[in-house]
C-alpha atoms as a PDB file:
ATOM      1  CA  MET A   1       7.453  -1.879 -30.419  1.00  0.00           C
ATOM      2  CA  SER A   2       5.802  -2.735 -27.101  1.00  0.00           C
ATOM      3  CA  PRO A   3       7.507  -0.928 -24.197  1.00  0.00           C
ATOM      4  CA  LEU A   4       9.443  -3.093 -21.754  1.00  0.00           C
ATOM      5  CA  VAL A   5       7.658  -3.691 -18.457  1.00  0.00           C
ATOM      6  CA  SER A   6       9.680  -4.692 -15.396  1.00  0.00           C
ATOM      7  CA  ILE A   7       7.760  -6.826 -12.910  1.00  0.00           C
ATOM      8  CA  CYS A   8       9.499  -6.223  -9.582  1.00  0.00           C
ATOM      9  CA  ILE A   9       9.181  -8.887  -6.883  1.00  0.00           C
ATOM     10  CA  PRO A  10      10.842  -8.512  -3.471  1.00  0.00           C
ATOM     11  CA  VAL A  11      11.390 -11.944  -1.935  1.00  0.00           C
ATOM     12  CA  PHE A  12      12.050 -13.001   1.636  1.00  0.00           C
ATOM     13  CA  ASN A  13      11.355 -16.594   2.699  1.00  0.00           C
ATOM     14  CA  ALA A  14       8.454 -16.948   0.271  1.00  0.00           C
ATOM     15  CA  GLU A  15       8.941 -20.517  -0.965  1.00  0.00           C
ATOM     16  CA  LYS A  16       5.363 -21.508  -0.049  1.00  0.00           C
ATOM     17  CA  TRP A  17       3.831 -19.012  -2.469  1.00  0.00           C
ATOM     18  CA  LEU A  18       6.541 -17.786  -4.841  1.00  0.00           C
ATOM     19  CA  ASN A  19       5.957 -20.422  -7.524  1.00  0.00           C
ATOM     20  CA  GLU A  20       2.304 -19.397  -7.953  1.00  0.00           C
ATOM     21  CA  CYS A  21       3.398 -15.767  -8.235  1.00  0.00           C
ATOM     22  CA  LEU A  22       6.142 -16.520 -10.774  1.00  0.00           C
ATOM     23  CA  GLN A  23       3.926 -18.725 -12.921  1.00  0.00           C
ATOM     24  CA  SER A  24       1.316 -15.974 -13.125  1.00  0.00           C
ATOM     25  CA  VAL A  25       4.010 -13.578 -14.334  1.00  0.00           C
ATOM     26  CA  LYS A  26       5.443 -16.016 -16.881  1.00  0.00           C
ATOM     27  CA  ARG A  27       1.958 -16.658 -18.295  1.00  0.00           C
ATOM     28  CA  GLN A  28       1.430 -13.008 -19.199  1.00  0.00           C
ATOM     29  CA  THR A  29       0.046 -12.467 -22.680  1.00  0.00           C
ATOM     30  CA  TYR A  30       2.083  -9.276 -22.990  1.00  0.00           C
ATOM     31  CA  PRO A  31       5.241 -10.060 -24.998  1.00  0.00           C
ATOM     32  CA  ASN A  32       7.864  -7.723 -23.549  1.00  0.00           C
ATOM     33  CA  ILE A  33       8.501  -8.139 -19.840  1.00  0.00           C
ATOM     34  CA  GLU A  34      11.431  -8.712 -17.538  1.00  0.00           C
ATOM     35  CA  ILE A  35      11.114 -10.312 -14.124  1.00  0.00           C
ATOM     36  CA  VAL A  36      13.271  -8.695 -11.454  1.00  0.00           C
ATOM     37  CA  VAL A  37      13.526 -10.559  -8.166  1.00  0.00           C
ATOM     38  CA  VAL A  38      15.475  -9.070  -5.279  1.00  0.00           C
ATOM     39  CA  ASP A  39      16.179 -11.681  -2.634  1.00  0.00           C
ATOM     40  CA  ASP A  40      16.257 -10.063   0.793  1.00  0.00           C
ATOM     41  CA  GLY A  41      18.517 -12.616   2.458  1.00  0.00           C
ATOM     42  CA  SER A  42      16.102 -15.555   2.316  1.00  0.00           C
ATOM     43  CA  THR A  43      16.987 -18.543   4.475  1.00  0.00           C
ATOM     44  CA  ASP A  44      14.470 -20.970   2.926  1.00  0.00           C
ATOM     45  CA  ASN A  45      14.402 -22.492  -0.574  1.00  0.00           C
ATOM     46  CA  SER A  46      12.962 -19.468  -2.362  1.00  0.00           C
ATOM     47  CA  LEU A  47      15.982 -19.112  -4.640  1.00  0.00           C
ATOM     48  CA  ALA A  48      15.662 -22.703  -5.835  1.00  0.00           C
ATOM     49  CA  LEU A  49      12.388 -21.753  -7.528  1.00  0.00           C
ATOM     50  CA  LEU A  50      14.079 -19.197  -9.789  1.00  0.00           C
ATOM     51  CA  ASP A  51      15.302 -20.055 -13.287  1.00  0.00           C
ATOM     52  CA  ASP A  52      17.150 -18.278 -16.094  1.00  0.00           C
ATOM     53  CA  SER A  53      14.042 -16.346 -17.119  1.00  0.00           C
ATOM     54  CA  VAL A  54      14.311 -14.349 -13.896  1.00  0.00           C
ATOM     55  CA  ARG A  55      16.882 -11.650 -13.199  1.00  0.00           C
ATOM     56  CA  VAL A  56      17.916 -12.301  -9.615  1.00  0.00           C
ATOM     57  CA  ILE A  57      19.572  -9.693  -7.417  1.00  0.00           C
ATOM     58  CA  ARG A  58      20.782 -10.916  -4.061  1.00  0.00           C
ATOM     59  CA  GLN A  59      21.207  -8.797  -0.970  1.00  0.00           C
ATOM     60  CA  ALA A  60      23.871  -9.972   1.449  1.00  0.00           C
ATOM     61  CA  GLN A  61      21.629  -9.351   4.446  1.00  0.00           C
ATOM     62  CA  ASN A  62      17.996  -8.767   5.239  1.00  0.00           C
ATOM     63  CA  MET A  63      17.217  -5.105   4.609  1.00  0.00           C
ATOM     64  CA  GLY A  64      13.424  -5.100   4.856  1.00  0.00           C
ATOM     65  CA  LEU A  65      10.647  -4.541   2.336  1.00  0.00           C
ATOM     66  CA  VAL A  66      11.090  -0.776   1.920  1.00  0.00           C
ATOM     67  CA  TYR A  67      14.722  -1.032   0.862  1.00  0.00           C
ATOM     68  CA  THR A  68      14.196  -4.188  -1.191  1.00  0.00           C
ATOM     69  CA  ARG A  69      11.289  -2.776  -3.196  1.00  0.00           C
ATOM     70  CA  ARG A  70      13.291   0.351  -3.986  1.00  0.00           C
ATOM     71  CA  HIS A  71      16.305  -1.761  -4.981  1.00  0.00           C
ATOM     72  CA  SER A  72      14.174  -3.775  -7.414  1.00  0.00           C
ATOM     73  CA  ILE A  73      12.828  -0.626  -9.095  1.00  0.00           C
ATOM     74  CA  GLU A  74      16.269   0.989  -9.321  1.00  0.00           C
ATOM     75  CA  GLU A  75      17.632  -2.161 -10.980  1.00  0.00           C
ATOM     76  CA  ALA A  76      14.709  -2.446 -13.402  1.00  0.00           C
ATOM     77  CA  LYS A  77      15.269  -1.616 -17.066  1.00  0.00           C
ATOM     78  CA  GLY A  78      11.674  -1.232 -18.182  1.00  0.00           C
ATOM     79  CA  GLU A  79       9.851   1.915 -19.218  1.00  0.00           C
ATOM     80  CA  TYR A  80       7.137   0.846 -16.798  1.00  0.00           C
ATOM     81  CA  ILE A  81       7.275  -1.084 -13.548  1.00  0.00           C
ATOM     82  CA  LEU A  82       4.692  -3.271 -11.867  1.00  0.00           C
ATOM     83  CA  CYS A  83       5.259  -4.177  -8.223  1.00  0.00           C
ATOM     84  CA  VAL A  84       4.086  -7.647  -7.207  1.00  0.00           C
ATOM     85  CA  ASP A  85       4.381  -9.156  -3.743  1.00  0.00           C
ATOM     86  CA  ALA A  86       5.808 -12.678  -3.696  1.00  0.00           C
ATOM     87  CA  ASP A  87       2.646 -14.179  -2.178  1.00  0.00           C
ATOM     88  CA  ASP A  88       0.244 -12.570  -4.666  1.00  0.00           C
ATOM     89  CA  TYR A  89      -0.433 -13.281  -8.338  1.00  0.00           C
ATOM     90  CA  LEU A  90      -1.559 -11.634 -11.585  1.00  0.00           C
ATOM     91  CA  GLU A  91      -4.298 -12.277 -14.103  1.00  0.00           C
ATOM     92  CA  PRO A  92      -2.801 -13.572 -17.411  1.00  0.00           C
ATOM     93  CA  ASP A  93      -3.699 -10.389 -19.310  1.00  0.00           C
ATOM     94  CA  ALA A  94      -2.818  -7.979 -16.497  1.00  0.00           C
ATOM     95  CA  VAL A  95       0.155  -6.303 -18.175  1.00  0.00           C
ATOM     96  CA  ASP A  96      -1.605  -6.175 -21.550  1.00  0.00           C
ATOM     97  CA  ILE A  97      -4.566  -4.334 -20.040  1.00  0.00           C
ATOM     98  CA  LEU A  98      -2.463  -1.881 -18.053  1.00  0.00           C
ATOM     99  CA  VAL A  99      -0.014  -1.040 -20.857  1.00  0.00           C
ATOM    100  CA  LYS A 100      -2.810  -0.447 -23.361  1.00  0.00           C
ATOM    101  CA  LYS A 101      -4.388   2.065 -20.988  1.00  0.00           C
ATOM    102  CA  ALA A 102      -1.047   3.728 -20.329  1.00  0.00           C
ATOM    103  CA  LEU A 103      -0.352   4.165 -24.043  1.00  0.00           C
ATOM    104  CA  ASP A 104      -3.884   5.355 -24.811  1.00  0.00           C
ATOM    105  CA  THR A 105      -3.843   7.983 -22.057  1.00  0.00           C
ATOM    106  CA  GLN A 106      -0.101   8.708 -21.651  1.00  0.00           C
ATOM    107  CA  ALA A 107      -0.655   8.173 -17.937  1.00  0.00           C
ATOM    108  CA  ASP A 108       2.188   7.990 -15.429  1.00  0.00           C
ATOM    109  CA  ILE A 109       0.152   5.696 -13.174  1.00  0.00           C
ATOM    110  CA  VAL A 110      -2.515   3.204 -14.258  1.00  0.00           C
ATOM    111  CA  ASP A 111      -4.574   1.602 -11.526  1.00  0.00           C
ATOM    112  CA  SER A 112      -6.836  -1.438 -11.713  1.00  0.00           C
ATOM    113  CA  ALA A 113      -9.277  -3.406  -9.592  1.00  0.00           C
ATOM    114  CA  ILE A 114      -7.917  -5.919  -7.064  1.00  0.00           C
ATOM    115  CA  GLU A 115      -9.391  -9.219  -5.977  1.00  0.00           C
ATOM    116  CA  GLU A 116      -8.630  -9.409  -2.260  1.00  0.00           C
ATOM    117  CA  HIS A 117      -8.631 -12.919  -0.804  1.00  0.00           C
ATOM    118  CA  LEU A 118      -9.270 -12.993   2.931  1.00  0.00           C
ATOM    119  CA  ALA A 119      -9.316 -15.991   5.242  1.00  0.00           C
ATOM    120  CA  ASN A 120     -12.893 -17.063   4.501  1.00  0.00           C
ATOM    121  CA  ARG A 121     -14.039 -14.836   1.674  1.00  0.00           C
ATOM    122  CA  SER A 122     -12.997 -12.691  -1.260  1.00  0.00           C
ATOM    123  CA  ARG A 123     -13.997  -9.238  -2.362  1.00  0.00           C
ATOM    124  CA  THR A 124     -13.241  -6.914  -5.261  1.00  0.00           C
ATOM    125  CA  LEU A 125     -11.614  -3.591  -4.503  1.00  0.00           C
ATOM    126  CA  PRO A 126     -12.417  -1.081  -7.264  1.00  0.00           C
ATOM    127  CA  PRO A 127      -9.686   0.910  -9.000  1.00  0.00           C
ATOM    128  CA  TYR A 128      -8.971   4.513  -8.174  1.00  0.00           C
ATOM    129  CA  ARG A 129     -11.912   6.709  -9.013  1.00  0.00           C
ATOM    130  CA  PRO A 130     -11.380  10.424  -8.374  1.00  0.00           C
ATOM    131  CA  GLN A 131     -13.494  11.707  -5.519  1.00  0.00           C
ATOM    132  CA  SER A 132     -12.145  15.224  -5.749  1.00  0.00           C
ATOM    133  CA  GLU A 133     -10.500  17.295  -8.454  1.00  0.00           C
ATOM    134  CA  ASP A 134      -7.235  16.963  -6.571  1.00  0.00           C
ATOM    135  CA  TYR A 135      -5.215  13.738  -6.753  1.00  0.00           C
ATOM    136  CA  LEU A 136      -3.079  14.804  -3.795  1.00  0.00           C
ATOM    137  CA  GLU A 137      -6.180  15.233  -1.656  1.00  0.00           C
ATOM    138  CA  ASP A 138      -7.386  11.769  -2.622  1.00  0.00           C
ATOM    139  CA  VAL A 139      -4.030  10.280  -1.597  1.00  0.00           C
ATOM    140  CA  LEU A 140      -4.063  12.148   1.710  1.00  0.00           C
ATOM    141  CA  ARG A 141      -7.594  10.862   2.332  1.00  0.00           C
ATOM    142  CA  ASP A 142      -6.339   7.296   1.779  1.00  0.00           C
ATOM    143  CA  ARG A 143      -8.544   6.814  -1.267  1.00  0.00           C
ATOM    144  CA  ILE A 144      -5.647   5.297  -3.189  1.00  0.00           C
ATOM    145  CA  CYS A 145      -3.146   3.465  -1.029  1.00  0.00           C
ATOM    146  CA  HIS A 146      -1.708   0.323  -2.677  1.00  0.00           C
ATOM    147  CA  LEU A 147       1.327   0.097  -4.933  1.00  0.00           C
ATOM    148  CA  CYS A 148       0.199  -3.280  -6.212  1.00  0.00           C
ATOM    149  CA  ALA A 149      -2.090  -3.415  -9.256  1.00  0.00           C
ATOM    150  CA  LYS A 150      -0.527  -0.212 -10.575  1.00  0.00           C
ATOM    151  CA  LEU A 151       1.562   0.202 -13.686  1.00  0.00           C
ATOM    152  CA  ILE A 152       3.924   3.122 -13.057  1.00  0.00           C
ATOM    153  CA  ARG A 153       6.219   4.972 -15.428  1.00  0.00           C
ATOM    154  CA  ARG A 154       9.655   4.240 -13.984  1.00  0.00           C
ATOM    155  CA  SER A 155      11.171   7.564 -15.052  1.00  0.00           C
ATOM    156  CA  PHE A 156       8.489   9.414 -13.070  1.00  0.00           C
ATOM    157  CA  MET A 157       9.433   7.599  -9.865  1.00  0.00           C
ATOM    158  CA  MET A 158      13.161   8.051 -10.438  1.00  0.00           C
ATOM    159  CA  GLU A 159      12.981  11.700 -11.444  1.00  0.00           C
ATOM    160  CA  HIS A 160      10.827  12.710  -8.475  1.00  0.00           C
ATOM    161  CA  ASP A 161      12.480  10.473  -5.871  1.00  0.00           C
ATOM    162  CA  CYS A 162       9.225   8.699  -5.009  1.00  0.00           C
ATOM    163  CA  TRP A 163      10.570   6.539  -2.203  1.00  0.00           C
ATOM    164  CA  ALA A 164       9.828   5.950   1.421  1.00  0.00           C
ATOM    165  CA  PRO A 165      12.738   6.727   3.778  1.00  0.00           C
ATOM    166  CA  GLN A 166      14.955   3.674   4.186  1.00  0.00           C
ATOM    167  CA  ASP A 167      14.006   3.239   7.858  1.00  0.00           C
ATOM    168  CA  PHE A 168      10.285   3.656   7.169  1.00  0.00           C
ATOM    169  CA  PRO A 169       8.097   0.751   8.420  1.00  0.00           C
ATOM    170  CA  SER A 170       6.628  -1.521   5.748  1.00  0.00           C
ATOM    171  CA  TYR A 171       3.154  -0.805   7.148  1.00  0.00           C
ATOM    172  CA  LEU A 172       1.975   2.358   5.313  1.00  0.00           C
ATOM    173  CA  GLU A 173       4.995   2.357   2.991  1.00  0.00           C
ATOM    174  CA  ASP A 174       2.653   2.456  -0.002  1.00  0.00           C
ATOM    175  CA  ARG A 175       0.936   5.575   1.268  1.00  0.00           C
ATOM    176  CA  ILE A 176       4.136   7.577   1.628  1.00  0.00           C
ATOM    177  CA  VAL A 177       5.381   6.507  -1.824  1.00  0.00           C
ATOM    178  CA  LEU A 178       2.090   7.512  -3.460  1.00  0.00           C
ATOM    179  CA  LEU A 179       2.048  10.759  -1.493  1.00  0.00           C
ATOM    180  CA  ARG A 180       5.490  11.664  -2.808  1.00  0.00           C
ATOM    181  CA  ALA A 181       4.286  10.883  -6.327  1.00  0.00           C
ATOM    182  CA  ALA A 182       1.117  12.941  -5.875  1.00  0.00           C
ATOM    183  CA  LEU A 183       3.154  16.059  -5.074  1.00  0.00           C
ATOM    184  CA  TYR A 184       4.258  16.109  -8.727  1.00  0.00           C
ATOM    185  CA  SER A 185       0.803  15.839 -10.299  1.00  0.00           C
ATOM    186  CA  PRO A 186       1.104  12.535 -12.152  1.00  0.00           C
ATOM    187  CA  ARG A 187      -1.259  11.724 -14.985  1.00  0.00           C
ATOM    188  CA  VAL A 188      -3.476   8.989 -13.547  1.00  0.00           C
ATOM    189  CA  ALA A 189      -5.783   6.553 -15.311  1.00  0.00           C
ATOM    190  CA  SER A 190      -7.572   3.376 -14.295  1.00  0.00           C
ATOM    191  CA  VAL A 191      -9.179   0.253 -15.692  1.00  0.00           C
ATOM    192  CA  GLU A 192     -12.148  -1.564 -14.219  1.00  0.00           C
ATOM    193  CA  GLN A 193     -10.798  -5.083 -14.768  1.00  0.00           C
ATOM    194  CA  VAL A 194      -9.240  -7.103 -11.964  1.00  0.00           C
ATOM    195  CA  THR A 195      -5.556  -7.606 -12.786  1.00  0.00           C
ATOM    196  CA  TYR A 196      -4.144  -8.442  -9.356  1.00  0.00           C
ATOM    197  CA  HIS A 197      -4.945 -10.994  -6.650  1.00  0.00           C
ATOM    198  CA  TYR A 198      -3.989  -9.830  -3.170  1.00  0.00           C
ATOM    199  CA  MET A 199      -3.654 -12.759  -0.780  1.00  0.00           C
ATOM    200  CA  HIS A 200      -4.026 -12.590   2.992  1.00  0.00           C
ATOM    201  CA  ARG A 201      -2.079 -15.619   4.139  1.00  0.00           C
ATOM    202  CA  THR A 202      -2.913 -15.155   7.821  1.00  0.00           C
ATOM    203  CA  ALA A 203      -5.993 -14.000   9.723  1.00  0.00           C
ATOM    204  CA  ASP A 204      -8.485 -11.625   8.183  1.00  0.00           C
ATOM    205  CA  SER A 205      -6.542  -8.371   8.295  1.00  0.00           C
ATOM    206  CA  LEU A 206      -9.704  -6.333   8.714  1.00  0.00           C
ATOM    207  CA  THR A 207     -10.220  -7.758  12.192  1.00  0.00           C
ATOM    208  CA  VAL A 208      -6.739  -8.886  13.255  1.00  0.00           C
ATOM    209  CA  SER A 209      -5.573  -7.075  16.354  1.00  0.00           C
ATOM    210  CA  LYS A 210      -3.415  -4.008  15.816  1.00  0.00           C
ATOM    211  CA  THR A 211      -0.317  -3.449  17.918  1.00  0.00           C
ATOM    212  CA  GLN A 212       1.808  -0.563  19.099  1.00  0.00           C
ATOM    213  CA  ALA A 213       3.873  -0.971  15.938  1.00  0.00           C
ATOM    214  CA  HIS A 214       0.855   0.031  13.841  1.00  0.00           C
ATOM    215  CA  PHE A 215       0.397   3.221  15.841  1.00  0.00           C
ATOM    216  CA  ASP A 216       4.104   3.987  15.632  1.00  0.00           C
ATOM    217  CA  ALA A 217       3.958   3.553  11.852  1.00  0.00           C
ATOM    218  CA  LEU A 218       0.900   5.792  11.626  1.00  0.00           C
ATOM    219  CA  ALA A 219       2.604   8.513  13.660  1.00  0.00           C
ATOM    220  CA  ARG A 220       5.681   8.221  11.447  1.00  0.00           C
ATOM    221  CA  TYR A 221       3.614   8.409   8.263  1.00  0.00           C
ATOM    222  CA  TRP A 222       1.933  11.626   9.325  1.00  0.00           C
ATOM    223  CA  GLN A 223       5.236  13.069  10.516  1.00  0.00           C
ATOM    224  CA  GLU A 224       6.635  12.496   7.026  1.00  0.00           C
ATOM    225  CA  ALA A 225       3.443  13.704   5.327  1.00  0.00           C
ATOM    226  CA  ASP A 226       3.332  16.924   7.353  1.00  0.00           C
ATOM    227  CA  LYS A 227       6.997  17.526   6.576  1.00  0.00           C
ATOM    228  CA  LEU A 228       6.510  17.041   2.841  1.00  0.00           C
ATOM    229  CA  LEU A 229       3.503  19.359   2.749  1.00  0.00           C
ATOM    230  CA  GLN A 230       5.373  21.993   4.746  1.00  0.00           C
ATOM    231  CA  GLU A 231       8.406  21.803   2.448  1.00  0.00           C
ATOM    232  CA  ASN A 232       6.178  22.264  -0.592  1.00  0.00           C
ATOM    233  CA  GLY A 233       4.173  25.143   0.866  1.00  0.00           C
ATOM    234  CA  LEU A 234       0.992  23.057   1.044  1.00  0.00           C
ATOM    235  CA  ALA A 235       0.503  22.595   4.781  1.00  0.00           C
ATOM    236  CA  GLU A 236      -2.104  25.309   5.224  1.00  0.00           C
ATOM    237  CA  ARG A 237      -4.014  24.315   2.109  1.00  0.00           C
ATOM    238  CA  TYR A 238      -4.422  20.715   3.293  1.00  0.00           C
ATOM    239  CA  ALA A 239      -4.663  21.290   7.048  1.00  0.00           C
ATOM    240  CA  LYS A 240      -8.329  20.314   7.256  1.00  0.00           C
ATOM    241  CA  VAL A 241      -7.898  17.282   4.991  1.00  0.00           C
ATOM    242  CA  CYS A 242      -4.977  16.030   7.089  1.00  0.00           C
ATOM    243  CA  GLY A 243      -6.731  16.719  10.383  1.00  0.00           C
ATOM    244  CA  ARG A 244      -9.779  14.730   9.353  1.00  0.00           C
ATOM    245  CA  GLN A 245      -7.709  11.840   8.026  1.00  0.00           C
ATOM    246  CA  LYS A 246      -5.495  11.643  11.120  1.00  0.00           C
ATOM    247  CA  THR A 247      -8.640  11.358  13.212  1.00  0.00           C
ATOM    248  CA  GLU A 248     -10.054   8.640  10.969  1.00  0.00           C
ATOM    249  CA  ASP A 249      -6.778   6.689  10.816  1.00  0.00           C
ATOM    250  CA  LYS A 250      -6.544   6.662  14.600  1.00  0.00           C
ATOM    251  CA  ALA A 251     -10.172   5.602  15.055  1.00  0.00           C
ATOM    252  CA  VAL A 252      -9.740   2.696  12.620  1.00  0.00           C
ATOM    253  CA  LEU A 253      -6.695   1.407  14.500  1.00  0.00           C
ATOM    254  CA  MET A 254      -8.409   1.831  17.856  1.00  0.00           C
ATOM    255  CA  LEU A 255     -11.298  -0.244  16.564  1.00  0.00           C
ATOM    256  CA  HIS A 256      -9.005  -3.243  16.120  1.00  0.00           C
ATOM    257  CA  VAL A 257      -6.854  -3.162  19.246  1.00  0.00           C
ATOM    258  CA  ALA A 258      -7.265  -6.002  21.720  1.00  0.00           C
ATOM    259  CA  ASP A 259      -4.724  -4.743  24.269  1.00  0.00           C
ATOM    260  CA  ASN A 260      -6.175  -1.941  26.374  1.00  0.00           C
ATOM    261  CA  LYS A 261      -2.660  -0.813  27.286  1.00  0.00           C
ATOM    262  CA  VAL A 262      -2.047  -0.029  23.638  1.00  0.00           C
ATOM    263  CA  ARG A 263      -5.262   2.001  23.513  1.00  0.00           C
ATOM    264  CA  LYS A 264      -4.259   3.891  26.636  1.00  0.00           C
ATOM    265  CA  ASN A 265      -0.771   4.570  25.303  1.00  0.00           C
ATOM    266  CA  ASN A 266      -2.194   6.108  22.118  1.00  0.00           C
ATOM    267  CA  ARG A 267      -5.174   7.966  23.515  1.00  0.00           C
ATOM    268  CA  GLU A 268      -3.431  11.308  23.046  1.00  0.00           C
ATOM    269  CA  LEU A 269      -2.220  10.598  19.512  1.00  0.00           C
ATOM    270  CA  PHE A 270      -3.606  13.343  17.269  1.00  0.00           C
ATOM    271  CA  ALA A 271      -5.638  14.575  20.255  1.00  0.00           C
ATOM    272  CA  ALA A 272      -5.955  18.123  18.907  1.00  0.00           C
ATOM    273  CA  GLU A 273      -7.151  16.897  15.515  1.00  0.00           C
ATOM    274  CA  GLU A 274      -9.539  14.429  17.128  1.00  0.00           C
ATOM    275  CA  LYS A 275     -11.133  17.149  19.222  1.00  0.00           C
ATOM    276  CA  LYS A 276     -11.616  19.328  16.161  1.00  0.00           C
ATOM    277  CA  TYR A 277     -12.537  16.813  13.474  1.00  0.00           C
ATOM    278  CA  ALA A 278     -14.223  13.822  15.145  1.00  0.00           C
ATOM    279  CA  LYS A 279     -17.591  15.215  14.056  1.00  0.00           C
ATOM    280  CA  TYR A 280     -16.650  14.452  10.442  1.00  0.00           C
ATOM    281  CA  LEU A 281     -16.180  10.731  11.057  1.00  0.00           C
ATOM    282  CA  SER A 282     -18.699   8.154   9.958  1.00  0.00           C
ATOM    283  CA  ARG A 283     -21.268   7.306  12.622  1.00  0.00           C
ATOM    284  CA  GLY A 284     -19.485   4.119  13.719  1.00  0.00           C
ATOM    285  CA  LEU A 285     -16.044   5.693  13.865  1.00  0.00           C
ATOM    286  CA  ARG A 286     -17.443   8.773  15.602  1.00  0.00           C
ATOM    287  CA  TRP A 287     -18.825   6.527  18.325  1.00  0.00           C
ATOM    288  CA  CYS A 288     -15.415   4.861  18.667  1.00  0.00           C
ATOM    289  CA  SER A 289     -13.726   8.241  18.894  1.00  0.00           C
ATOM    290  CA  ARG A 290     -16.026   9.254  21.746  1.00  0.00           C
ATOM    291  CA  LEU A 291     -15.119   6.095  23.621  1.00  0.00           C
ATOM    292  CA  VAL A 292     -11.516   7.290  23.714  1.00  0.00           C
ATOM    293  CA  GLY A 293     -12.538  10.328  25.718  1.00  0.00           C
ATOM    294  CA  TRP A 294     -14.898   8.386  27.964  1.00  0.00           C
ATOM    295  CA  ARG A 295     -12.234   5.716  28.699  1.00  0.00           C
ATOM    296  CA  LEU A 296     -14.674   2.916  27.893  1.00  0.00           C
ATOM    297  CA  TRP A 297     -12.502   1.112  25.383  1.00  0.00           C
ATOM    298  CA  PRO A 298     -12.855  -2.294  27.144  1.00  0.00           C
ATOM    299  CA  LEU A 299     -16.492  -2.311  26.051  1.00  0.00           C
ATOM    300  CA  LEU A 300     -15.344  -1.988  22.453  1.00  0.00           C
ATOM    301  CA  SER A 301     -13.424  -5.259  22.714  1.00  0.00           C
ATOM    302  CA  ILE A 302     -16.646  -7.021  23.709  1.00  0.00           C
ATOM    303  CA  TRP A 303     -18.581  -5.356  20.909  1.00  0.00           C
ATOM    304  CA  ASP A 304     -15.910  -6.254  18.368  1.00  0.00           C
ATOM    305  CA  ALA A 305     -15.879  -9.903  19.479  1.00  0.00           C
ATOM    306  CA  ILE A 306     -19.668 -10.076  19.034  1.00  0.00           C
ATOM    307  CA  ARG A 307     -19.421  -8.393  15.625  1.00  0.00           C
ATOM    308  CA  ARG A 308     -16.990 -11.032  14.364  1.00  0.00           C
ATOM    309  CA  LYS A 309     -19.346 -13.954  15.120  1.00  0.00           C
END
């Protein structure tokens, strides 16, 4: 018999897009799915779009994405779970493709390609392809960072407590969840087909201005990551990997900050790592990193505005 797959959808004020998401789930060619929707205190008409084919769990108050996603997975009954955001949608054969790969390989996590829809263009993001012999290193290097488009064995997540802390910001939540999973050496497989459509409903997120909240989330992520590695006796082994990635993460955020006060406030973030590992950055990011030390960040705003034209 085909294993049950729980498609977990956190919902908060998503009436504009939820119907497209739900219809893509209901059109799945795979025969054995359950749809689990956790409503995070919506105040719009999202709930009116749900029918008897959907198992609806209502939260009395808004708890945020991190809590709501965890709640949906805990309530799921399937052998596998597939997380879908309420403003995204699936290909009709998405679950079929992912389950077949999971059964063929006995993988705990099956990844697939994503079609990312930006404001004025689309692009295909390839599935996870190992770049080292170490899955944990690839996660730390941000080579696999999205929970969407992944079929995950539910028992693996439950047994190993693969959750972000309840107060963790939704930005970078995926990275901390996948990092926790990577500590337990999951069996990972991937398929080349696009199964998931990731929609950017606002400005192009690659160029939208980053705020202090993004830097705070980044600092929190690495605080949690360092703690987990220390607790598992892995801090020394991955010190160089983490140092390089902290430097790169900071440079990427700095590249997309419009407010010079935010840049100034975060100039010392990961300063020791930046001094040691900036030489490993790509040429463009290395140039950005040098600007931090030279205090010429206003010039970057001009350059970035020109680049966008």
